[in-house]
C-alpha atoms as a PDB file:
ATOM      1  CA  UNK A   1       0.258   0.044   0.084  1.00  0.00           C
ATOM      2  CA  UNK A   2       1.134   3.739  -1.364  1.00  0.00           C
ATOM      3  CA  UNK A   3       0.800   6.467   1.179  1.00  0.00           C
ATOM      4  CA  UNK A   4       2.157   9.391  -0.777  1.00  0.00           C
ATOM      5  CA  UNK A   5      -0.276  12.856  -0.287  1.00  0.00           C
ATOM      6  CA  UNK A   6       0.896  15.063  -3.128  1.00  0.00           C
ATOM      7  CA  UNK A   7      -0.772  18.673  -2.200  1.00  0.00           C
ATOM      8  CA  UNK A   8      -0.635  19.139  -5.966  1.00  0.00           C
ATOM      9  CA  UNK A   9      -3.401  17.336  -6.408  1.00  0.00           C
ATOM     10  CA  UNK A  10      -5.449  18.645  -3.666  1.00  0.00           C
ATOM     11  CA  UNK A  11      -7.158  22.297  -5.524  1.00  0.00           C
ATOM     12  CA  UNK A  12      -7.784  23.038  -2.170  1.00  0.00           C
ATOM     13  CA  UNK A  13      -4.655  22.688  -0.511  1.00  0.00           C
ATOM     14  CA  UNK A  14      -2.155  26.214   0.430  1.00  0.00           C
ATOM     15  CA  UNK A  15       0.673  24.540  -1.106  1.00  0.00           C
ATOM     16  CA  UNK A  16       2.200  28.410  -0.554  1.00  0.00           C
ATOM     17  CA  UNK A  17       4.425  30.476  -1.526  1.00  0.00           C
ATOM     18  CA  UNK A  18       6.124  27.567  -4.284  1.00  0.00           C
ATOM     19  CA  UNK A  19       3.115  27.183  -5.747  1.00  0.00           C
ATOM     20  CA  UNK A  20       2.505  28.640  -9.075  1.00  0.00           C
ATOM     21  CA  UNK A  21       1.041  28.629 -12.675  1.00  0.00           C
ATOM     22  CA  UNK A  22       4.916  28.433 -13.504  1.00  0.00           C
ATOM     23  CA  UNK A  23       7.859  27.570 -13.376  1.00  0.00           C
ATOM     24  CA  UNK A  24      11.589  25.879 -14.414  1.00  0.00           C
ATOM     25  CA  UNK A  25      12.432  22.366 -14.796  1.00  0.00           C
ATOM     26  CA  UNK A  26      15.936  22.294 -14.815  1.00  0.00           C
ATOM     27  CA  UNK A  27      17.236  18.413 -15.959  1.00  0.00           C
ATOM     28  CA  UNK A  28      21.127  17.736 -15.694  1.00  0.00           C
ATOM     29  CA  UNK A  29      22.946  15.091 -17.758  1.00  0.00           C
ATOM     30  CA  UNK A  30      24.647  12.522 -17.630  1.00  0.00           C
ATOM     31  CA  UNK A  31      25.454  12.588 -13.797  1.00  0.00           C
ATOM     32  CA  UNK A  32      25.395   8.441 -13.736  1.00  0.00           C
ATOM     33  CA  UNK A  33      28.995   7.707 -16.179  1.00  0.00           C
ATOM     34  CA  UNK A  34      27.018   4.331 -16.514  1.00  0.00           C
ATOM     35  CA  UNK A  35      23.982   5.945 -17.881  1.00  0.00           C
ATOM     36  CA  UNK A  36      26.929   7.901 -20.622  1.00  0.00           C
ATOM     37  CA  UNK A  37      28.985   5.160 -21.520  1.00  0.00           C
ATOM     38  CA  UNK A  38      25.800   3.324 -22.815  1.00  0.00           C
ATOM     39  CA  UNK A  39      25.042   6.281 -24.637  1.00  0.00           C
ATOM     40  CA  UNK A  40      28.203   6.392 -26.231  1.00  0.00           C
ATOM     41  CA  UNK A  41      29.169   9.557 -24.332  1.00  0.00           C
ATOM     42  CA  UNK A  42      31.801  11.102 -22.050  1.00  0.00           C
ATOM     43  CA  UNK A  43      30.748  12.308 -18.840  1.00  0.00           C
ATOM     44  CA  UNK A  44      31.232  16.199 -18.490  1.00  0.00           C
ATOM     45  CA  UNK A  45      34.052  17.557 -16.349  1.00  0.00           C
ATOM     46  CA  UNK A  46      31.007  19.693 -14.915  1.00  0.00           C
ATOM     47  CA  UNK A  47      27.669  19.891 -14.385  1.00  0.00           C
ATOM     48  CA  UNK A  48      25.624  20.411 -17.972  1.00  0.00           C
ATOM     49  CA  UNK A  49      21.375  21.403 -18.226  1.00  0.00           C
ATOM     50  CA  UNK A  50      19.207  21.067 -20.941  1.00  0.00           C
ATOM     51  CA  UNK A  51      15.467  22.968 -19.183  1.00  0.00           C
ATOM     52  CA  UNK A  52      12.696  21.682 -20.489  1.00  0.00           C
ATOM     53  CA  UNK A  53       9.056  24.390 -20.243  1.00  0.00           C
ATOM     54  CA  UNK A  54       6.650  23.727 -16.818  1.00  0.00           C
ATOM     55  CA  UNK A  55       3.615  23.007 -20.145  1.00  0.00           C
ATOM     56  CA  UNK A  56       5.941  19.375 -20.663  1.00  0.00           C
ATOM     57  CA  UNK A  57       4.232  18.775 -16.815  1.00  0.00           C
ATOM     58  CA  UNK A  58       2.653  15.591 -16.877  1.00  0.00           C
ATOM     59  CA  UNK A  59       1.272  14.462 -13.217  1.00  0.00           C
ATOM     60  CA  UNK A  60      -1.761  12.170 -13.874  1.00  0.00           C
ATOM     61  CA  UNK A  61      -3.000   9.896 -17.253  1.00  0.00           C
ATOM     62  CA  UNK A  62      -1.476   7.810 -19.527  1.00  0.00           C
ATOM     63  CA  UNK A  63       1.754   8.329 -20.893  1.00  0.00           C
ATOM     64  CA  UNK A  64       1.239   9.571 -24.193  1.00  0.00           C
ATOM     65  CA  UNK A  65       3.059   7.636 -26.251  1.00  0.00           C
ATOM     66  CA  UNK A  66       0.838   6.687 -29.734  1.00  0.00           C
ATOM     67  CA  UNK A  67      -0.046  10.415 -30.321  1.00  0.00           C
ATOM     68  CA  UNK A  68       4.075  11.020 -30.276  1.00  0.00           C
ATOM     69  CA  UNK A  69       5.494  11.256 -33.633  1.00  0.00           C
ATOM     70  CA  UNK A  70       8.888   9.494 -32.948  1.00  0.00           C
ATOM     71  CA  UNK A  71      10.284   7.147 -30.313  1.00  0.00           C
ATOM     72  CA  UNK A  72       9.811   7.925 -26.778  1.00  0.00           C
ATOM     73  CA  UNK A  73      12.279   6.795 -24.387  1.00  0.00           C
ATOM     74  CA  UNK A  74      12.175   6.376 -20.911  1.00  0.00           C
ATOM     75  CA  UNK A  75      14.653   8.218 -17.881  1.00  0.00           C
ATOM     76  CA  UNK A  76      14.143   7.682 -14.554  1.00  0.00           C
ATOM     77  CA  UNK A  77      15.456  10.142 -11.755  1.00  0.00           C
ATOM     78  CA  UNK A  78      14.647  11.469  -8.655  1.00  0.00           C
ATOM     79  CA  UNK A  79      13.533  14.740  -8.880  1.00  0.00           C
ATOM     80  CA  UNK A  80      12.993  17.466  -5.929  1.00  0.00           C
ATOM     81  CA  UNK A  81      10.970  20.303  -5.788  1.00  0.00           C
ATOM     82  CA  UNK A  82      13.439  23.369  -5.327  1.00  0.00           C
ATOM     83  CA  UNK A  83      12.265  26.408  -1.823  1.00  0.00           C
ATOM     84  CA  UNK A  84      12.669  29.786  -1.546  1.00  0.00           C
ATOM     85  CA  UNK A  85      16.450  29.499  -0.846  1.00  0.00           C
ATOM     86  CA  UNK A  86      16.968  26.891  -3.126  1.00  0.00           C
ATOM     87  CA  UNK A  87      17.025  23.628  -1.296  1.00  0.00           C
ATOM     88  CA  UNK A  88      15.225  20.000  -1.596  1.00  0.00           C
ATOM     89  CA  UNK A  89      11.632  21.559   0.152  1.00  0.00           C
ATOM     90  CA  UNK A  90      10.406  18.048  -1.866  1.00  0.00           C
ATOM     91  CA  UNK A  91      10.939  15.294  -3.719  1.00  0.00           C
ATOM     92  CA  UNK A  92       9.354  12.658  -6.075  1.00  0.00           C
ATOM     93  CA  UNK A  93       9.544   9.962  -9.085  1.00  0.00           C
ATOM     94  CA  UNK A  94      10.452  11.298 -12.176  1.00  0.00           C
ATOM     95  CA  UNK A  95      10.621  10.271 -16.117  1.00  0.00           C
ATOM     96  CA  UNK A  96      12.146  12.672 -18.376  1.00  0.00           C
ATOM     97  CA  UNK A  97      10.529  11.261 -21.723  1.00  0.00           C
ATOM     98  CA  UNK A  98      12.653  11.416 -24.944  1.00  0.00           C
ATOM     99  CA  UNK A  99      12.304  10.886 -28.850  1.00  0.00           C
ATOM    100  CA  UNK A 100      16.028  10.167 -28.322  1.00  0.00           C
ATOM    101  CA  UNK A 101      15.871  10.017 -33.021  1.00  0.00           C
ATOM    102  CA  UNK A 102      15.578  13.436 -33.119  1.00  0.00           C
ATOM    103  CA  UNK A 103      17.483  14.067 -30.338  1.00  0.00           C
ATOM    104  CA  UNK A 104      20.663  12.140 -32.043  1.00  0.00           C
ATOM    105  CA  UNK A 105      20.207  13.894 -35.544  1.00  0.00           C
ATOM    106  CA  UNK A 106      19.842  17.380 -33.643  1.00  0.00           C
ATOM    107  CA  UNK A 107      23.205  16.719 -31.909  1.00  0.00           C
ATOM    108  CA  UNK A 108      25.076  15.377 -34.915  1.00  0.00           C
ATOM    109  CA  UNK A 109      23.617  18.933 -36.610  1.00  0.00           C
ATOM    110  CA  UNK A 110      24.749  20.746 -33.798  1.00  0.00           C
ATOM    111  CA  UNK A 111      21.836  22.066 -32.973  1.00  0.00           C
ATOM    112  CA  UNK A 112      19.480  22.061 -29.697  1.00  0.00           C
ATOM    113  CA  UNK A 113      17.237  19.054 -28.180  1.00  0.00           C
ATOM    114  CA  UNK A 114      14.525  21.322 -28.076  1.00  0.00           C
ATOM    115  CA  UNK A 115      12.447  18.162 -30.050  1.00  0.00           C
ATOM    116  CA  UNK A 116      13.675  15.375 -28.341  1.00  0.00           C
ATOM    117  CA  UNK A 117      13.434  16.579 -24.738  1.00  0.00           C
ATOM    118  CA  UNK A 118      10.348  18.760 -24.625  1.00  0.00           C
ATOM    119  CA  UNK A 119       7.065  17.111 -26.350  1.00  0.00           C
ATOM    120  CA  UNK A 120       3.543  16.832 -24.580  1.00  0.00           C
ATOM    121  CA  UNK A 121       3.865  14.869 -21.060  1.00  0.00           C
ATOM    122  CA  UNK A 122       7.717  14.767 -21.606  1.00  0.00           C
ATOM    123  CA  UNK A 123       8.781  15.165 -17.891  1.00  0.00           C
ATOM    124  CA  UNK A 124       5.772  12.966 -15.774  1.00  0.00           C
ATOM    125  CA  UNK A 125       6.386  13.320 -12.502  1.00  0.00           C
ATOM    126  CA  UNK A 126       4.775  11.340  -9.438  1.00  0.00           C
ATOM    127  CA  UNK A 127       3.334  12.594  -6.233  1.00  0.00           C
ATOM    128  CA  UNK A 128       5.961  15.095  -3.491  1.00  0.00           C
ATOM    129  CA  UNK A 129       7.291  13.619  -0.192  1.00  0.00           C
ATOM    130  CA  UNK A 130       8.513  16.248   1.755  1.00  0.00           C
ATOM    131  CA  UNK A 131      11.912  16.469   1.885  1.00  0.00           C
ATOM    132  CA  UNK A 132      13.375  18.970   4.998  1.00  0.00           C
ATOM    133  CA  UNK A 133      17.589  17.404   4.347  1.00  0.00           C
ATOM    134  CA  UNK A 134      20.506  18.744   2.097  1.00  0.00           C
ATOM    135  CA  UNK A 135      21.348  18.056  -1.472  1.00  0.00           C
ATOM    136  CA  UNK A 136      23.861  15.571   0.225  1.00  0.00           C
ATOM    137  CA  UNK A 137      21.364  13.708   2.346  1.00  0.00           C
ATOM    138  CA  UNK A 138      20.179  12.543  -0.544  1.00  0.00           C
ATOM    139  CA  UNK A 139      23.201  10.557  -1.653  1.00  0.00           C
ATOM    140  CA  UNK A 140      23.480   9.517   2.226  1.00  0.00           C
ATOM    141  CA  UNK A 141      24.256   5.787   2.094  1.00  0.00           C
ATOM    142  CA  UNK A 142      22.534   6.259   5.459  1.00  0.00           C
ATOM    143  CA  UNK A 143      19.181   7.383   3.742  1.00  0.00           C
ATOM    144  CA  UNK A 144      20.329   4.950   0.302  1.00  0.00           C
ATOM    145  CA  UNK A 145      17.669   6.525  -1.669  1.00  0.00           C
ATOM    146  CA  UNK A 146      16.804   4.443  -5.247  1.00  0.00           C
ATOM    147  CA  UNK A 147      15.501   4.921  -8.294  1.00  0.00           C
ATOM    148  CA  UNK A 148      13.469   1.373 -10.046  1.00  0.00           C
ATOM    149  CA  UNK A 149      11.939   1.260 -13.691  1.00  0.00           C
ATOM    150  CA  UNK A 150       9.481  -1.971 -14.475  1.00  0.00           C
ATOM    151  CA  UNK A 151       7.736  -2.051 -18.315  1.00  0.00           C
ATOM    152  CA  UNK A 152       5.758  -4.933 -18.215  1.00  0.00           C
ATOM    153  CA  UNK A 153       6.935  -6.044 -14.516  1.00  0.00           C
ATOM    154  CA  UNK A 154      10.057  -6.371 -16.355  1.00  0.00           C
ATOM    155  CA  UNK A 155      13.147  -4.419 -13.993  1.00  0.00           C
ATOM    156  CA  UNK A 156      15.030  -2.397 -16.727  1.00  0.00           C
ATOM    157  CA  UNK A 157      17.011   0.737 -14.991  1.00  0.00           C
ATOM    158  CA  UNK A 158      18.180   0.697 -11.086  1.00  0.00           C
ATOM    159  CA  UNK A 159      20.162   2.192  -9.543  1.00  0.00           C
ATOM    160  CA  UNK A 160      20.719   4.173  -5.711  1.00  0.00           C
ATOM    161  CA  UNK A 161      21.480   8.344  -5.973  1.00  0.00           C
ATOM    162  CA  UNK A 162      24.426   7.511  -3.686  1.00  0.00           C
ATOM    163  CA  UNK A 163      25.656   5.731  -7.536  1.00  0.00           C
ATOM    164  CA  UNK A 164      25.861   9.158  -8.965  1.00  0.00           C
ATOM    165  CA  UNK A 165      29.100  10.060  -9.999  1.00  0.00           C
ATOM    166  CA  UNK A 166      27.965  14.467 -10.562  1.00  0.00           C
ATOM    167  CA  UNK A 167      26.191  15.060  -7.078  1.00  0.00           C
ATOM    168  CA  UNK A 168      22.915  17.161  -6.686  1.00  0.00           C
ATOM    169  CA  UNK A 169      25.035  18.971  -4.666  1.00  0.00           C
ATOM    170  CA  UNK A 170      27.303  19.982  -6.972  1.00  0.00           C
ATOM    171  CA  UNK A 171      24.703  20.254  -9.607  1.00  0.00           C
ATOM    172  CA  UNK A 172      22.595  23.181  -7.721  1.00  0.00           C
ATOM    173  CA  UNK A 173      25.545  24.841  -6.475  1.00  0.00           C
ATOM    174  CA  UNK A 174      26.713  25.110 -10.492  1.00  0.00           C
ATOM    175  CA  UNK A 175      22.338  26.068 -11.347  1.00  0.00           C
ATOM    176  CA  UNK A 176      22.746  28.904  -9.012  1.00  0.00           C
ATOM    177  CA  UNK A 177      26.166  30.560 -10.196  1.00  0.00           C
ATOM    178  CA  UNK A 178      24.345  31.554 -13.483  1.00  0.00           C
ATOM    179  CA  UNK A 179      20.711  30.273 -13.730  1.00  0.00           C
ATOM    180  CA  UNK A 180      17.515  32.329 -12.179  1.00  0.00           C
ATOM    181  CA  UNK A 181      16.053  29.222 -10.190  1.00  0.00           C
ATOM    182  CA  UNK A 182      12.694  29.988  -8.528  1.00  0.00           C
ATOM    183  CA  UNK A 183      10.875  28.934  -5.157  1.00  0.00           C
ATOM    184  CA  UNK A 184       8.579  26.798  -6.867  1.00  0.00           C
ATOM    185  CA  UNK A 185      11.361  25.697  -9.892  1.00  0.00           C
ATOM    186  CA  UNK A 186      12.365  21.029 -10.671  1.00  0.00           C
ATOM    187  CA  UNK A 187      15.171  20.292 -10.478  1.00  0.00           C
ATOM    188  CA  UNK A 188      15.343  16.376 -12.402  1.00  0.00           C
ATOM    189  CA  UNK A 189      18.801  15.265 -11.251  1.00  0.00           C
ATOM    190  CA  UNK A 190      20.214  12.487 -14.244  1.00  0.00           C
ATOM    191  CA  UNK A 191      18.705   9.137 -14.603  1.00  0.00           C
ATOM    192  CA  UNK A 192      21.023   5.322 -14.124  1.00  0.00           C
ATOM    193  CA  UNK A 193      22.056   3.460 -17.220  1.00  0.00           C
ATOM    194  CA  UNK A 194      19.152   1.066 -19.106  1.00  0.00           C
ATOM    195  CA  UNK A 195      16.986   3.381 -20.704  1.00  0.00           C
ATOM    196  CA  UNK A 196      15.331   1.952 -23.868  1.00  0.00           C
ATOM    197  CA  UNK A 197      12.082   2.779 -25.666  1.00  0.00           C
ATOM    198  CA  UNK A 198       7.781   2.922 -24.421  1.00  0.00           C
ATOM    199  CA  UNK A 199       5.557   1.444 -26.892  1.00  0.00           C
ATOM    200  CA  UNK A 200       1.763   1.416 -26.746  1.00  0.00           C
ATOM    201  CA  UNK A 201       0.334   0.099 -23.630  1.00  0.00           C
ATOM    202  CA  UNK A 202       3.619  -0.540 -21.795  1.00  0.00           C
ATOM    203  CA  UNK A 203       2.814  -0.919 -18.203  1.00  0.00           C
ATOM    204  CA  UNK A 204       5.311   1.724 -16.507  1.00  0.00           C
ATOM    205  CA  UNK A 205       5.939   1.565 -12.645  1.00  0.00           C
ATOM    206  CA  UNK A 206       8.551   3.952 -11.092  1.00  0.00           C
ATOM    207  CA  UNK A 207       9.277   4.332  -7.653  1.00  0.00           C
ATOM    208  CA  UNK A 208      11.894   6.317  -5.484  1.00  0.00           C
ATOM    209  CA  UNK A 209      12.390   4.231  -2.312  1.00  0.00           C
ATOM    210  CA  UNK A 210      14.746   3.646  -0.323  1.00  0.00           C
ATOM    211  CA  UNK A 211      16.615   0.175   0.383  1.00  0.00           C
ATOM    212  CA  UNK A 212      14.045  -2.258   2.765  1.00  0.00           C
ATOM    213  CA  UNK A 213      11.505  -1.077  -0.108  1.00  0.00           C
ATOM    214  CA  UNK A 214       9.832   1.707   1.550  1.00  0.00           C
ATOM    215  CA  UNK A 215       8.150   3.551  -1.457  1.00  0.00           C
ATOM    216  CA  UNK A 216       8.659   7.808  -1.144  1.00  0.00           C
ATOM    217  CA  UNK A 217       7.201   8.088  -4.757  1.00  0.00           C
ATOM    218  CA  UNK A 218       5.737   6.284  -7.576  1.00  0.00           C
ATOM    219  CA  UNK A 219       4.144   6.211 -11.563  1.00  0.00           C
ATOM    220  CA  UNK A 220       2.018   3.838 -12.124  1.00  0.00           C
ATOM    221  CA  UNK A 221       0.422   4.127 -15.814  1.00  0.00           C
ATOM    222  CA  UNK A 222       0.673   3.412 -19.295  1.00  0.00           C
ATOM    223  CA  UNK A 223       1.916   3.558 -22.194  1.00  0.00           C
ATOM    224  CA  UNK A 224      -0.943   4.761 -24.434  1.00  0.00           C
END
């Protein structure tokens, strides 16, 4: 049984100053070395970001696969919602959905990845759970947080956050050095190895959980 309460899904709940109609979705790339390797990329020396507009955000319903004019690939991530001090306010599991073929074509032409990353429903986020600790604590082995993604009951992505080789704390430090980060923004902290294509009727179950299997946030949906 899951016990995730998310005020975002309750229209009568006053979430305070971070509840707004706009936010930025800051996404860090290649933060797990094995993922960079599986796509034939080198891991950057410092954090590198792209941004999804908040119109890409989806919180409920099916993954829009068949209506997308290209391939849709899954990338499970830990998503951090930021408070007014740009520190963690809450965390959730998320899917940074990617049109891999389009992304590759744009990269080959040295063009921005926008079409491959910023399509409808490409930022699917589960329920948030309060996290009042630091960025460093997200990768602390005493918490032992981990990401798990199953497609049709087959485990396809699994990693502890402590396996990140570009940590969330280094991500936010770099981001704050130049970006107009605001309260309520989301930080997608990167995906582990095992990314792959989704197909219509695929069943998707993604979790952010502790080592003992306690689910902090989940996505349980189907590809349409």
